[in-house]
Amino acid sequence: MMGNDEAFDVLDERGLPTGERKARHAVHRDGDWHAALHLWIVDVRGYVWLQRRSVTKDLAAGKVDVSVGGHLAAGETWQDALRESHEELGILLTPGDVTVLGTQFTERVYPTAIDREAQTVLATRVTRSLREVHLDPAEVDAVYAAPLPGLRALYSEDRPLAVEGWDAQGRPAAALLHAGDLIEEARRSTLQELAWLAAWLDAPHPTRGVDG
C-alpha cells in the first residue's frame, strides 16, 4: 500500500528510467510514465480471481480490477512489487511462483489524473480458496472467482457474469458483475491481458510467459 507522496521513478516512453523521481500525486497530475505490476491469480478449478477496489481509493474506487495490482516504488523491480499480493490478499509469492505474460503500456485518463503505466503482467496458480484470503479493507473490498470465458465476454460484450466472492469482513460476497463494475478506461488493456492469460493456461505446461 502506498501513500500519495510515495516516490516513483519517472520513465520515458520506452519504459526506461529517466533518472527523475516524483511523488505519486505529481506523477498522476502530470501524466508521467511509471512502472506497475498486474498479477492474475488462477485457482485449481481454472477460475480467475478479480478484486473489487476499495471505495476509498483515489482512482477507480469500487471498481473491479486485476487480481493484484500495484505501482513500483522508486528503485523497485517487479519482483519487489510482488509484496502487493501479500498486502492486498495475504498471499506470499516469490518470483519463482509467477510467470511473466508480457509488458504493455497503458494510458487511463480520469477526471483528476492521467495514469500512464508500463505494466509487467504476471500469472500464478494457487491451491487455496477465496475463504483463505486476508483482504486489506483499505485496498480491497472483495475478491471474486470467475470462469475465464465468461470474464472475457463481460469485458468484450458487456455480458453480465455471476461470480462467487468473499469480502474484507470475511463474508460470502457472490455478485452479478456487469459493465458498470468495470474500469472503463482499462477495458482494452484488460482484454489483452486476458488473451495472454488464456494462451498461458492453454499451453501444455504453462511455465513460460507469452511473448507480449
N, C-alpha and C. Protein backbone atom coordinates (compact mmCIF):
# COMPACT_ATOMS: atom_id res chain seq x y z
N MET A 1 0.86 -1.18 0.00
CA MET A 1 0.00 0.00 0.00
C MET A 1 0.89 1.23 0.00
N MET A 2 0.57 2.21 -0.84
CA MET A 2 1.39 3.39 -0.99
C MET A 2 0.59 4.64 -0.68
N GLY A 3 1.26 5.60 -0.08
CA GLY A 3 0.64 6.89 0.13
C GLY A 3 0.78 7.76 -1.10
N ASN A 4 0.06 8.88 -1.06
CA ASN A 4 0.03 9.76 -2.22
C ASN A 4 1.37 10.46 -2.45
N ASP A 5 2.24 10.45 -1.43
CA ASP A 5 3.54 11.09 -1.58
C ASP A 5 4.68 10.10 -1.81
N GLU A 6 4.33 8.81 -1.96
CA GLU A 6 5.35 7.80 -2.26
C GLU A 6 6.07 8.16 -3.56
N ALA A 7 7.39 8.01 -3.58
CA ALA A 7 8.17 8.38 -4.75
C ALA A 7 8.16 7.28 -5.80
N PHE A 8 7.97 7.68 -7.07
CA PHE A 8 8.04 6.78 -8.22
C PHE A 8 9.21 7.18 -9.10
N ASP A 9 9.77 6.20 -9.82
CA ASP A 9 10.72 6.50 -10.89
C ASP A 9 9.92 6.94 -12.11
N VAL A 10 10.26 8.08 -12.67
CA VAL A 10 9.65 8.54 -13.91
C VAL A 10 10.32 7.84 -15.08
N LEU A 11 9.51 7.26 -15.98
CA LEU A 11 10.03 6.52 -17.12
C LEU A 11 9.84 7.31 -18.40
N ASP A 12 10.61 6.93 -19.44
CA ASP A 12 10.36 7.50 -20.76
C ASP A 12 9.34 6.63 -21.49
N GLU A 13 9.05 6.95 -22.73
CA GLU A 13 8.01 6.23 -23.47
C GLU A 13 8.41 4.80 -23.82
N ARG A 14 9.68 4.46 -23.63
CA ARG A 14 10.12 3.07 -23.85
C ARG A 14 10.12 2.28 -22.54
N GLY A 15 9.77 2.94 -21.44
CA GLY A 15 9.74 2.27 -20.15
C GLY A 15 11.06 2.30 -19.42
N LEU A 16 11.99 3.13 -19.85
CA LEU A 16 13.31 3.21 -19.22
C LEU A 16 13.34 4.38 -18.23
N PRO A 17 14.03 4.22 -17.10
CA PRO A 17 14.11 5.31 -16.12
C PRO A 17 14.77 6.55 -16.69
N THR A 18 14.19 7.70 -16.40
CA THR A 18 14.78 8.96 -16.83
C THR A 18 15.78 9.49 -15.82
N GLY A 19 15.78 8.92 -14.63
CA GLY A 19 16.62 9.42 -13.55
C GLY A 19 15.88 10.36 -12.62
N GLU A 20 14.66 10.74 -13.01
CA GLU A 20 13.86 11.63 -12.17
C GLU A 20 12.93 10.81 -11.28
N ARG A 21 12.73 11.29 -10.06
CA ARG A 21 11.77 10.68 -9.14
C ARG A 21 10.77 11.74 -8.70
N LYS A 22 9.49 11.33 -8.66
CA LYS A 22 8.44 12.28 -8.28
C LYS A 22 7.44 11.58 -7.37
N ALA A 23 6.72 12.37 -6.59
CA ALA A 23 5.68 11.83 -5.73
C ALA A 23 4.52 11.28 -6.57
N ARG A 24 3.85 10.30 -6.03
CA ARG A 24 2.74 9.64 -6.73
C ARG A 24 1.72 10.66 -7.25
N HIS A 25 1.31 11.58 -6.41
CA HIS A 25 0.27 12.51 -6.84
C HIS A 25 0.77 13.39 -7.99
N ALA A 26 2.06 13.73 -7.99
CA ALA A 26 2.61 14.55 -9.05
C ALA A 26 2.73 13.77 -10.36
N VAL A 27 3.08 12.50 -10.26
CA VAL A 27 3.15 11.64 -11.45
C VAL A 27 1.78 11.54 -12.11
N HIS A 28 0.75 11.34 -11.32
CA HIS A 28 -0.61 11.24 -11.88
C HIS A 28 -1.13 12.60 -12.34
N ARG A 29 -0.72 13.66 -11.68
CA ARG A 29 -1.12 15.00 -12.12
C ARG A 29 -0.52 15.36 -13.47
N ASP A 30 0.76 14.99 -13.64
CA ASP A 30 1.50 15.39 -14.84
C ASP A 30 1.44 14.36 -15.96
N GLY A 31 0.87 13.17 -15.68
CA GLY A 31 0.79 12.14 -16.72
C GLY A 31 2.12 11.52 -17.06
N ASP A 32 3.00 11.38 -16.08
CA ASP A 32 4.31 10.76 -16.33
C ASP A 32 4.18 9.24 -16.42
N TRP A 33 5.01 8.65 -17.26
CA TRP A 33 5.08 7.19 -17.32
C TRP A 33 5.75 6.66 -16.06
N HIS A 34 5.22 5.56 -15.53
CA HIS A 34 5.78 4.94 -14.33
C HIS A 34 5.47 3.45 -14.39
N ALA A 35 6.13 2.68 -13.54
CA ALA A 35 6.05 1.23 -13.62
C ALA A 35 4.97 0.68 -12.68
N ALA A 36 4.32 -0.40 -13.13
CA ALA A 36 3.27 -1.04 -12.34
C ALA A 36 3.32 -2.55 -12.56
N LEU A 37 2.69 -3.25 -11.65
CA LEU A 37 2.59 -4.71 -11.71
C LEU A 37 1.12 -5.11 -11.76
N HIS A 38 0.79 -6.04 -12.65
CA HIS A 38 -0.54 -6.66 -12.70
C HIS A 38 -0.34 -8.17 -12.57
N LEU A 39 -0.99 -8.75 -11.58
CA LEU A 39 -0.87 -10.18 -11.33
C LEU A 39 -2.24 -10.83 -11.41
N TRP A 40 -2.35 -11.87 -12.26
CA TRP A 40 -3.58 -12.65 -12.38
C TRP A 40 -3.40 -13.95 -11.60
N ILE A 41 -4.35 -14.23 -10.72
CA ILE A 41 -4.34 -15.45 -9.93
C ILE A 41 -5.40 -16.40 -10.46
N VAL A 42 -5.00 -17.67 -10.64
CA VAL A 42 -5.91 -18.71 -11.13
C VAL A 42 -5.94 -19.83 -10.09
N ASP A 43 -7.14 -20.26 -9.72
CA ASP A 43 -7.24 -21.31 -8.71
C ASP A 43 -7.25 -22.70 -9.35
N VAL A 44 -7.39 -23.74 -8.54
CA VAL A 44 -7.26 -25.11 -9.02
C VAL A 44 -8.38 -25.49 -9.99
N ARG A 45 -9.48 -24.76 -9.99
CA ARG A 45 -10.57 -25.04 -10.92
C ARG A 45 -10.38 -24.33 -12.26
N GLY A 46 -9.35 -23.51 -12.32
CA GLY A 46 -9.14 -22.70 -13.52
C GLY A 46 -9.90 -21.39 -13.48
N TYR A 47 -10.49 -21.05 -12.33
CA TYR A 47 -11.19 -19.78 -12.19
C TYR A 47 -10.18 -18.65 -11.95
N VAL A 48 -10.47 -17.51 -12.54
CA VAL A 48 -9.61 -16.34 -12.44
C VAL A 48 -10.14 -15.44 -11.32
N TRP A 49 -9.22 -14.97 -10.50
CA TRP A 49 -9.62 -14.08 -9.40
C TRP A 49 -9.58 -12.61 -9.83
N LEU A 50 -10.55 -11.88 -9.31
CA LEU A 50 -10.64 -10.44 -9.51
C LEU A 50 -10.75 -9.78 -8.14
N GLN A 51 -10.38 -8.54 -8.06
CA GLN A 51 -10.63 -7.81 -6.83
C GLN A 51 -11.56 -6.63 -7.11
N ARG A 52 -12.37 -6.29 -6.09
CA ARG A 52 -13.12 -5.03 -6.15
C ARG A 52 -12.34 -4.02 -5.30
N ARG A 53 -11.92 -2.96 -5.94
CA ARG A 53 -11.12 -1.95 -5.28
C ARG A 53 -11.92 -1.27 -4.16
N SER A 54 -11.22 -0.90 -3.12
CA SER A 54 -11.88 -0.20 -2.02
C SER A 54 -12.55 1.08 -2.51
N VAL A 55 -13.66 1.42 -1.89
CA VAL A 55 -14.36 2.65 -2.25
C VAL A 55 -13.59 3.89 -1.80
N THR A 56 -12.53 3.70 -1.02
CA THR A 56 -11.73 4.84 -0.58
C THR A 56 -10.55 5.12 -1.51
N LYS A 57 -10.35 4.31 -2.55
CA LYS A 57 -9.23 4.52 -3.47
C LYS A 57 -9.42 5.83 -4.24
N ASP A 58 -8.32 6.49 -4.58
CA ASP A 58 -8.44 7.77 -5.28
C ASP A 58 -8.77 7.61 -6.75
N LEU A 59 -8.41 6.46 -7.34
CA LEU A 59 -8.71 6.20 -8.74
C LEU A 59 -9.53 4.91 -8.85
N ALA A 60 -10.56 4.93 -9.69
CA ALA A 60 -11.39 3.75 -9.96
C ALA A 60 -11.92 3.12 -8.67
N ALA A 61 -12.35 3.94 -7.76
CA ALA A 61 -12.86 3.44 -6.47
C ALA A 61 -14.06 2.54 -6.68
N GLY A 62 -14.06 1.39 -5.99
CA GLY A 62 -15.18 0.47 -6.03
C GLY A 62 -15.30 -0.35 -7.30
N LYS A 63 -14.37 -0.21 -8.22
CA LYS A 63 -14.45 -0.93 -9.49
C LYS A 63 -13.72 -2.27 -9.41
N VAL A 64 -14.09 -3.17 -10.32
CA VAL A 64 -13.47 -4.49 -10.41
C VAL A 64 -12.18 -4.38 -11.21
N ASP A 65 -11.14 -5.10 -10.75
CA ASP A 65 -9.81 -4.95 -11.34
C ASP A 65 -9.09 -6.29 -11.34
N VAL A 66 -7.87 -6.29 -11.86
CA VAL A 66 -6.99 -7.45 -11.87
C VAL A 66 -6.86 -8.02 -10.46
N SER A 67 -6.49 -9.30 -10.34
CA SER A 67 -6.38 -9.95 -9.02
C SER A 67 -5.56 -9.12 -8.05
N VAL A 68 -4.37 -8.71 -8.48
CA VAL A 68 -3.47 -7.89 -7.67
C VAL A 68 -2.84 -6.85 -8.59
N GLY A 69 -2.85 -5.62 -8.15
CA GLY A 69 -2.22 -4.57 -8.94
C GLY A 69 -1.52 -3.59 -8.03
N GLY A 70 -0.46 -3.00 -8.53
CA GLY A 70 0.23 -2.01 -7.71
C GLY A 70 1.33 -1.31 -8.47
N HIS A 71 1.72 -0.18 -7.94
CA HIS A 71 2.83 0.58 -8.51
C HIS A 71 4.16 0.09 -7.95
N LEU A 72 5.21 0.33 -8.69
CA LEU A 72 6.56 0.10 -8.20
C LEU A 72 7.08 1.38 -7.58
N ALA A 73 7.50 1.31 -6.33
CA ALA A 73 8.11 2.46 -5.69
C ALA A 73 9.47 2.73 -6.34
N ALA A 74 9.98 3.92 -6.13
CA ALA A 74 11.29 4.27 -6.69
C ALA A 74 12.33 3.25 -6.29
N GLY A 75 13.08 2.76 -7.28
CA GLY A 75 14.14 1.80 -7.03
C GLY A 75 13.69 0.35 -7.00
N GLU A 76 12.38 0.09 -7.07
CA GLU A 76 11.89 -1.27 -7.01
C GLU A 76 11.87 -1.93 -8.39
N THR A 77 11.93 -3.27 -8.38
CA THR A 77 11.68 -4.09 -9.56
C THR A 77 10.31 -4.74 -9.40
N TRP A 78 9.82 -5.39 -10.47
CA TRP A 78 8.53 -6.07 -10.33
C TRP A 78 8.63 -7.18 -9.29
N GLN A 79 9.82 -7.78 -9.17
CA GLN A 79 10.00 -8.83 -8.15
C GLN A 79 9.74 -8.27 -6.75
N ASP A 80 10.24 -7.05 -6.51
CA ASP A 80 9.99 -6.41 -5.21
C ASP A 80 8.50 -6.14 -5.02
N ALA A 81 7.84 -5.74 -6.10
CA ALA A 81 6.44 -5.34 -6.02
C ALA A 81 5.49 -6.52 -5.82
N LEU A 82 6.00 -7.74 -5.86
CA LEU A 82 5.16 -8.89 -5.52
C LEU A 82 4.64 -8.79 -4.08
N ARG A 83 5.23 -7.88 -3.28
CA ARG A 83 4.73 -7.63 -1.93
C ARG A 83 3.25 -7.25 -1.96
N GLU A 84 2.79 -6.70 -3.09
CA GLU A 84 1.39 -6.29 -3.20
C GLU A 84 0.44 -7.46 -2.99
N SER A 85 0.84 -8.65 -3.41
CA SER A 85 -0.02 -9.82 -3.24
C SER A 85 -0.27 -10.10 -1.77
N HIS A 86 0.77 -9.93 -0.97
CA HIS A 86 0.61 -10.14 0.47
C HIS A 86 -0.15 -8.99 1.11
N GLU A 87 0.14 -7.77 0.70
CA GLU A 87 -0.52 -6.61 1.27
C GLU A 87 -2.02 -6.60 0.97
N GLU A 88 -2.40 -6.98 -0.25
CA GLU A 88 -3.79 -6.88 -0.65
C GLU A 88 -4.61 -8.12 -0.30
N LEU A 89 -4.02 -9.32 -0.50
CA LEU A 89 -4.76 -10.56 -0.35
C LEU A 89 -4.22 -11.50 0.72
N GLY A 90 -3.07 -11.17 1.29
CA GLY A 90 -2.48 -12.06 2.29
C GLY A 90 -1.80 -13.27 1.71
N ILE A 91 -1.42 -13.22 0.42
CA ILE A 91 -0.77 -14.34 -0.25
C ILE A 91 0.70 -14.00 -0.50
N LEU A 92 1.59 -14.80 0.07
CA LEU A 92 3.02 -14.59 -0.13
C LEU A 92 3.48 -15.30 -1.40
N LEU A 93 4.15 -14.57 -2.28
CA LEU A 93 4.65 -15.13 -3.52
C LEU A 93 6.11 -14.74 -3.71
N THR A 94 6.86 -15.62 -4.36
CA THR A 94 8.23 -15.32 -4.76
C THR A 94 8.28 -15.22 -6.27
N PRO A 95 9.33 -14.64 -6.85
CA PRO A 95 9.42 -14.58 -8.30
C PRO A 95 9.31 -15.95 -8.97
N GLY A 96 9.75 -17.01 -8.29
CA GLY A 96 9.63 -18.35 -8.86
C GLY A 96 8.22 -18.88 -8.93
N ASP A 97 7.29 -18.22 -8.25
CA ASP A 97 5.89 -18.66 -8.24
C ASP A 97 5.08 -18.10 -9.39
N VAL A 98 5.65 -17.15 -10.13
CA VAL A 98 4.87 -16.45 -11.15
C VAL A 98 5.51 -16.59 -12.53
N THR A 99 4.69 -16.36 -13.54
CA THR A 99 5.15 -16.34 -14.93
C THR A 99 4.89 -14.96 -15.51
N VAL A 100 5.86 -14.41 -16.20
CA VAL A 100 5.67 -13.13 -16.90
C VAL A 100 4.93 -13.39 -18.20
N LEU A 101 3.76 -12.78 -18.35
CA LEU A 101 2.97 -12.93 -19.57
C LEU A 101 3.34 -11.90 -20.62
N GLY A 102 3.74 -10.74 -20.20
CA GLY A 102 4.07 -9.69 -21.15
C GLY A 102 4.18 -8.35 -20.45
N THR A 103 4.49 -7.33 -21.23
CA THR A 103 4.54 -5.96 -20.73
C THR A 103 3.74 -5.10 -21.69
N GLN A 104 2.92 -4.22 -21.13
CA GLN A 104 2.19 -3.31 -22.00
C GLN A 104 2.17 -1.91 -21.41
N PHE A 105 1.97 -0.94 -22.28
CA PHE A 105 1.92 0.46 -21.90
C PHE A 105 0.48 0.93 -22.01
N THR A 106 -0.05 1.44 -20.92
CA THR A 106 -1.45 1.83 -20.89
C THR A 106 -1.59 3.28 -20.45
N GLU A 107 -2.65 3.91 -20.94
CA GLU A 107 -2.98 5.27 -20.53
C GLU A 107 -4.44 5.30 -20.12
N ARG A 108 -4.67 5.73 -18.87
CA ARG A 108 -6.03 5.88 -18.37
C ARG A 108 -6.21 7.35 -17.97
N VAL A 109 -7.18 7.98 -18.57
CA VAL A 109 -7.44 9.39 -18.28
C VAL A 109 -8.68 9.48 -17.40
N TYR A 110 -8.49 9.99 -16.19
CA TYR A 110 -9.56 10.19 -15.23
C TYR A 110 -9.82 11.68 -15.07
N PRO A 111 -10.93 12.05 -14.45
CA PRO A 111 -11.20 13.49 -14.25
C PRO A 111 -10.11 14.20 -13.46
N THR A 112 -9.43 13.48 -12.56
CA THR A 112 -8.44 14.13 -11.69
C THR A 112 -7.02 13.62 -11.90
N ALA A 113 -6.81 12.75 -12.91
CA ALA A 113 -5.47 12.17 -13.08
C ALA A 113 -5.29 11.61 -14.48
N ILE A 114 -4.03 11.55 -14.90
CA ILE A 114 -3.64 10.83 -16.12
C ILE A 114 -2.67 9.75 -15.67
N ASP A 115 -3.10 8.50 -15.81
CA ASP A 115 -2.33 7.37 -15.29
C ASP A 115 -1.69 6.62 -16.45
N ARG A 116 -0.39 6.87 -16.67
CA ARG A 116 0.35 6.20 -17.74
C ARG A 116 1.31 5.19 -17.12
N GLU A 117 1.06 3.92 -17.41
CA GLU A 117 1.80 2.86 -16.75
C GLU A 117 2.50 1.94 -17.74
N ALA A 118 3.72 1.53 -17.40
CA ALA A 118 4.39 0.41 -18.05
C ALA A 118 4.15 -0.79 -17.13
N GLN A 119 3.23 -1.66 -17.54
CA GLN A 119 2.76 -2.74 -16.67
C GLN A 119 3.44 -4.06 -17.01
N THR A 120 4.07 -4.67 -16.00
CA THR A 120 4.53 -6.04 -16.12
C THR A 120 3.36 -6.94 -15.71
N VAL A 121 2.93 -7.80 -16.63
CA VAL A 121 1.75 -8.63 -16.41
C VAL A 121 2.19 -10.05 -16.07
N LEU A 122 1.72 -10.56 -14.94
CA LEU A 122 2.15 -11.85 -14.40
C LEU A 122 0.94 -12.76 -14.19
N ALA A 123 1.22 -14.04 -14.02
CA ALA A 123 0.18 -15.02 -13.69
C ALA A 123 0.75 -16.04 -12.72
N THR A 124 -0.14 -16.58 -11.89
CA THR A 124 0.24 -17.65 -10.97
C THR A 124 -0.96 -18.52 -10.69
N ARG A 125 -0.70 -19.73 -10.24
CA ARG A 125 -1.75 -20.65 -9.79
C ARG A 125 -1.67 -20.76 -8.27
N VAL A 126 -2.84 -20.88 -7.64
CA VAL A 126 -2.88 -21.09 -6.19
C VAL A 126 -3.78 -22.28 -5.88
N THR A 127 -3.53 -22.92 -4.74
CA THR A 127 -4.35 -24.05 -4.33
C THR A 127 -5.39 -23.64 -3.29
N ARG A 128 -5.26 -22.44 -2.74
CA ARG A 128 -6.19 -22.02 -1.70
C ARG A 128 -7.52 -21.55 -2.30
N SER A 129 -8.52 -21.40 -1.44
CA SER A 129 -9.83 -20.92 -1.86
C SER A 129 -9.99 -19.45 -1.48
N LEU A 130 -11.07 -18.83 -1.96
CA LEU A 130 -11.33 -17.45 -1.61
C LEU A 130 -11.44 -17.25 -0.10
N ARG A 131 -11.97 -18.25 0.59
CA ARG A 131 -12.17 -18.13 2.03
C ARG A 131 -10.85 -18.02 2.80
N GLU A 132 -9.76 -18.37 2.16
CA GLU A 132 -8.47 -18.36 2.84
C GLU A 132 -7.67 -17.08 2.62
N VAL A 133 -8.24 -16.13 1.89
CA VAL A 133 -7.53 -14.88 1.68
C VAL A 133 -7.78 -13.93 2.85
N HIS A 134 -6.87 -13.00 3.04
CA HIS A 134 -6.99 -11.99 4.09
C HIS A 134 -6.87 -10.62 3.42
N LEU A 135 -7.99 -9.96 3.23
CA LEU A 135 -8.03 -8.74 2.45
C LEU A 135 -7.72 -7.52 3.32
N ASP A 136 -6.99 -6.58 2.74
CA ASP A 136 -6.76 -5.30 3.37
C ASP A 136 -7.92 -4.39 2.98
N PRO A 137 -8.82 -4.04 3.91
CA PRO A 137 -10.00 -3.26 3.54
C PRO A 137 -9.68 -1.86 3.02
N ALA A 138 -8.47 -1.37 3.30
CA ALA A 138 -8.08 -0.07 2.74
C ALA A 138 -7.78 -0.17 1.25
N GLU A 139 -7.54 -1.40 0.78
CA GLU A 139 -7.19 -1.63 -0.62
C GLU A 139 -8.28 -2.37 -1.39
N VAL A 140 -8.88 -3.38 -0.75
CA VAL A 140 -9.77 -4.32 -1.46
C VAL A 140 -11.05 -4.52 -0.66
N ASP A 141 -12.19 -4.34 -1.33
CA ASP A 141 -13.48 -4.59 -0.68
C ASP A 141 -13.87 -6.06 -0.75
N ALA A 142 -13.56 -6.72 -1.87
CA ALA A 142 -13.94 -8.12 -2.05
C ALA A 142 -13.08 -8.74 -3.12
N VAL A 143 -13.03 -10.07 -3.13
CA VAL A 143 -12.33 -10.81 -4.17
C VAL A 143 -13.32 -11.81 -4.77
N TYR A 144 -13.27 -11.96 -6.09
CA TYR A 144 -14.20 -12.83 -6.81
C TYR A 144 -13.43 -13.89 -7.59
N ALA A 145 -14.13 -14.99 -7.91
CA ALA A 145 -13.58 -16.03 -8.79
C ALA A 145 -14.54 -16.21 -9.95
N ALA A 146 -13.99 -16.19 -11.18
CA ALA A 146 -14.82 -16.22 -12.38
C ALA A 146 -14.21 -17.13 -13.44
N PRO A 147 -15.05 -17.82 -14.22
CA PRO A 147 -14.52 -18.58 -15.36
C PRO A 147 -13.99 -17.62 -16.41
N LEU A 148 -12.85 -17.97 -16.98
CA LEU A 148 -12.20 -17.06 -17.93
C LEU A 148 -13.06 -16.74 -19.15
N PRO A 149 -13.76 -17.71 -19.78
CA PRO A 149 -14.58 -17.34 -20.94
C PRO A 149 -15.65 -16.30 -20.59
N GLY A 150 -16.28 -16.47 -19.44
CA GLY A 150 -17.29 -15.51 -19.03
C GLY A 150 -16.69 -14.14 -18.74
N LEU A 151 -15.49 -14.13 -18.20
CA LEU A 151 -14.82 -12.88 -17.91
C LEU A 151 -14.47 -12.13 -19.19
N ARG A 152 -14.00 -12.85 -20.18
CA ARG A 152 -13.68 -12.20 -21.45
C ARG A 152 -14.94 -11.66 -22.12
N ALA A 153 -16.05 -12.40 -21.99
CA ALA A 153 -17.32 -11.93 -22.57
C ALA A 153 -17.84 -10.69 -21.84
N LEU A 154 -17.62 -10.62 -20.54
CA LEU A 154 -18.01 -9.43 -19.78
C LEU A 154 -17.28 -8.21 -20.31
N TYR A 155 -15.96 -8.33 -20.49
CA TYR A 155 -15.16 -7.19 -20.94
C TYR A 155 -15.38 -6.84 -22.41
N SER A 156 -15.65 -7.83 -23.24
CA SER A 156 -15.75 -7.57 -24.68
C SER A 156 -17.18 -7.32 -25.15
N GLU A 157 -18.17 -7.92 -24.47
CA GLU A 157 -19.55 -7.86 -24.95
C GLU A 157 -20.53 -7.32 -23.92
N ASP A 158 -20.05 -6.89 -22.75
CA ASP A 158 -20.92 -6.42 -21.66
C ASP A 158 -21.90 -7.50 -21.20
N ARG A 159 -21.49 -8.76 -21.31
CA ARG A 159 -22.36 -9.85 -20.90
C ARG A 159 -22.26 -10.02 -19.38
N PRO A 160 -23.36 -9.86 -18.63
CA PRO A 160 -23.30 -10.00 -17.17
C PRO A 160 -22.73 -11.36 -16.76
N LEU A 161 -22.04 -11.37 -15.62
CA LEU A 161 -21.34 -12.56 -15.18
C LEU A 161 -21.57 -12.78 -13.68
N ALA A 162 -22.15 -13.94 -13.34
CA ALA A 162 -22.33 -14.31 -11.94
C ALA A 162 -21.03 -14.88 -11.40
N VAL A 163 -20.60 -14.39 -10.25
CA VAL A 163 -19.33 -14.82 -9.66
C VAL A 163 -19.54 -15.12 -8.17
N GLU A 164 -18.71 -16.00 -7.65
CA GLU A 164 -18.66 -16.20 -6.21
C GLU A 164 -17.67 -15.22 -5.63
N GLY A 165 -17.80 -14.90 -4.35
CA GLY A 165 -16.90 -13.91 -3.78
C GLY A 165 -16.76 -14.01 -2.28
N TRP A 166 -15.82 -13.24 -1.77
CA TRP A 166 -15.53 -13.17 -0.34
C TRP A 166 -15.10 -11.75 -0.06
N ASP A 167 -15.65 -11.15 1.02
CA ASP A 167 -15.35 -9.75 1.25
C ASP A 167 -14.34 -9.53 2.37
N ALA A 168 -13.99 -8.27 2.58
CA ALA A 168 -12.94 -7.93 3.54
C ALA A 168 -13.36 -8.18 4.98
N GLN A 169 -14.65 -8.40 5.21
CA GLN A 169 -15.15 -8.73 6.54
C GLN A 169 -15.27 -10.23 6.76
N GLY A 170 -14.78 -11.01 5.78
CA GLY A 170 -14.81 -12.46 5.91
C GLY A 170 -16.18 -13.07 5.68
N ARG A 171 -16.96 -12.48 4.78
CA ARG A 171 -18.30 -12.95 4.49
C ARG A 171 -18.43 -13.34 3.02
N PRO A 172 -19.30 -14.31 2.70
CA PRO A 172 -19.57 -14.61 1.30
C PRO A 172 -20.07 -13.36 0.59
N ALA A 173 -19.64 -13.18 -0.66
CA ALA A 173 -19.99 -11.95 -1.39
C ALA A 173 -20.21 -12.25 -2.86
N ALA A 174 -21.11 -13.20 -3.14
CA ALA A 174 -21.45 -13.51 -4.53
C ALA A 174 -22.01 -12.25 -5.19
N ALA A 175 -21.79 -12.12 -6.49
CA ALA A 175 -22.22 -10.91 -7.19
C ALA A 175 -22.56 -11.22 -8.64
N LEU A 176 -23.32 -10.34 -9.24
CA LEU A 176 -23.55 -10.37 -10.68
C LEU A 176 -22.85 -9.15 -11.25
N LEU A 177 -21.72 -9.39 -11.91
CA LEU A 177 -20.92 -8.30 -12.46
C LEU A 177 -21.49 -7.85 -13.79
N HIS A 178 -21.46 -6.55 -14.02
CA HIS A 178 -21.93 -6.00 -15.29
C HIS A 178 -20.98 -4.89 -15.72
N ALA A 179 -21.27 -4.27 -16.85
CA ALA A 179 -20.35 -3.29 -17.43
C ALA A 179 -20.04 -2.16 -16.46
N GLY A 180 -21.00 -1.76 -15.64
CA GLY A 180 -20.78 -0.67 -14.71
C GLY A 180 -19.79 -0.98 -13.62
N ASP A 181 -19.47 -2.26 -13.42
CA ASP A 181 -18.48 -2.64 -12.41
C ASP A 181 -17.05 -2.50 -12.92
N LEU A 182 -16.87 -2.37 -14.22
CA LEU A 182 -15.54 -2.39 -14.80
C LEU A 182 -14.91 -1.00 -14.82
N ILE A 183 -13.58 -0.98 -14.85
CA ILE A 183 -12.86 0.27 -15.08
C ILE A 183 -12.91 0.52 -16.59
N GLU A 184 -13.76 1.43 -17.01
CA GLU A 184 -13.98 1.64 -18.45
C GLU A 184 -12.68 1.97 -19.17
N GLU A 185 -11.83 2.76 -18.51
CA GLU A 185 -10.57 3.18 -19.13
C GLU A 185 -9.59 2.02 -19.33
N ALA A 186 -9.86 0.87 -18.69
CA ALA A 186 -8.93 -0.26 -18.74
C ALA A 186 -9.45 -1.43 -19.56
N ARG A 187 -10.56 -1.26 -20.23
CA ARG A 187 -11.15 -2.40 -20.94
C ARG A 187 -10.21 -3.03 -21.97
N ARG A 188 -9.68 -2.19 -22.83
CA ARG A 188 -8.85 -2.71 -23.93
C ARG A 188 -7.61 -3.41 -23.40
N SER A 189 -6.93 -2.79 -22.44
CA SER A 189 -5.71 -3.40 -21.92
C SER A 189 -6.02 -4.67 -21.13
N THR A 190 -7.14 -4.70 -20.43
CA THR A 190 -7.51 -5.90 -19.68
C THR A 190 -7.81 -7.06 -20.63
N LEU A 191 -8.47 -6.78 -21.74
CA LEU A 191 -8.72 -7.84 -22.71
C LEU A 191 -7.42 -8.42 -23.26
N GLN A 192 -6.42 -7.57 -23.46
CA GLN A 192 -5.12 -8.07 -23.91
C GLN A 192 -4.51 -8.98 -22.85
N GLU A 193 -4.60 -8.58 -21.60
CA GLU A 193 -4.05 -9.40 -20.52
C GLU A 193 -4.78 -10.73 -20.43
N LEU A 194 -6.10 -10.72 -20.60
CA LEU A 194 -6.87 -11.96 -20.54
C LEU A 194 -6.54 -12.88 -21.71
N ALA A 195 -6.20 -12.30 -22.86
CA ALA A 195 -5.77 -13.12 -24.00
C ALA A 195 -4.44 -13.79 -23.69
N TRP A 196 -3.51 -13.05 -23.11
CA TRP A 196 -2.24 -13.66 -22.70
C TRP A 196 -2.48 -14.77 -21.67
N LEU A 197 -3.38 -14.50 -20.73
CA LEU A 197 -3.67 -15.48 -19.69
C LEU A 197 -4.27 -16.75 -20.28
N ALA A 198 -5.18 -16.61 -21.23
CA ALA A 198 -5.79 -17.77 -21.88
C ALA A 198 -4.74 -18.60 -22.61
N ALA A 199 -3.81 -17.94 -23.30
CA ALA A 199 -2.76 -18.67 -24.01
C ALA A 199 -1.87 -19.42 -23.03
N TRP A 200 -1.56 -18.80 -21.91
CA TRP A 200 -0.74 -19.44 -20.87
C TRP A 200 -1.45 -20.67 -20.30
N LEU A 201 -2.73 -20.54 -20.04
CA LEU A 201 -3.49 -21.66 -19.48
C LEU A 201 -3.67 -22.80 -20.49
N ASP A 202 -3.72 -22.45 -21.77
CA ASP A 202 -3.91 -23.46 -22.82
C ASP A 202 -2.62 -24.18 -23.18
N ALA A 203 -1.47 -23.64 -22.74
CA ALA A 203 -0.19 -24.28 -23.05
C ALA A 203 -0.10 -25.63 -22.36
N PRO A 204 0.56 -26.64 -22.97
CA PRO A 204 0.68 -27.96 -22.36
C PRO A 204 1.27 -27.92 -20.96
N HIS A 205 2.30 -27.09 -20.79
CA HIS A 205 2.96 -26.93 -19.49
C HIS A 205 3.16 -25.44 -19.27
N PRO A 206 2.14 -24.74 -18.74
CA PRO A 206 2.21 -23.28 -18.67
C PRO A 206 3.20 -22.78 -17.62
N THR A 207 4.46 -22.89 -17.96
CA THR A 207 5.50 -22.41 -17.04
C THR A 207 6.30 -21.27 -17.65
N ARG A 208 6.07 -20.97 -18.94
CA ARG A 208 6.79 -19.89 -19.56
C ARG A 208 5.80 -18.81 -20.00
N GLY A 209 6.24 -17.58 -19.96
CA GLY A 209 5.37 -16.47 -20.32
C GLY A 209 5.13 -16.38 -21.80
N VAL A 210 4.02 -15.75 -22.16
CA VAL A 210 3.70 -15.47 -23.55
C VAL A 210 4.41 -14.20 -23.97
N ASP A 211 5.08 -14.22 -25.09
CA ASP A 211 5.81 -13.04 -25.56
C ASP A 211 4.80 -11.95 -25.92
N GLY A 212 4.83 -10.85 -25.15
CA GLY A 212 3.88 -9.76 -25.39
C GLY A 212 4.43 -8.75 -26.35
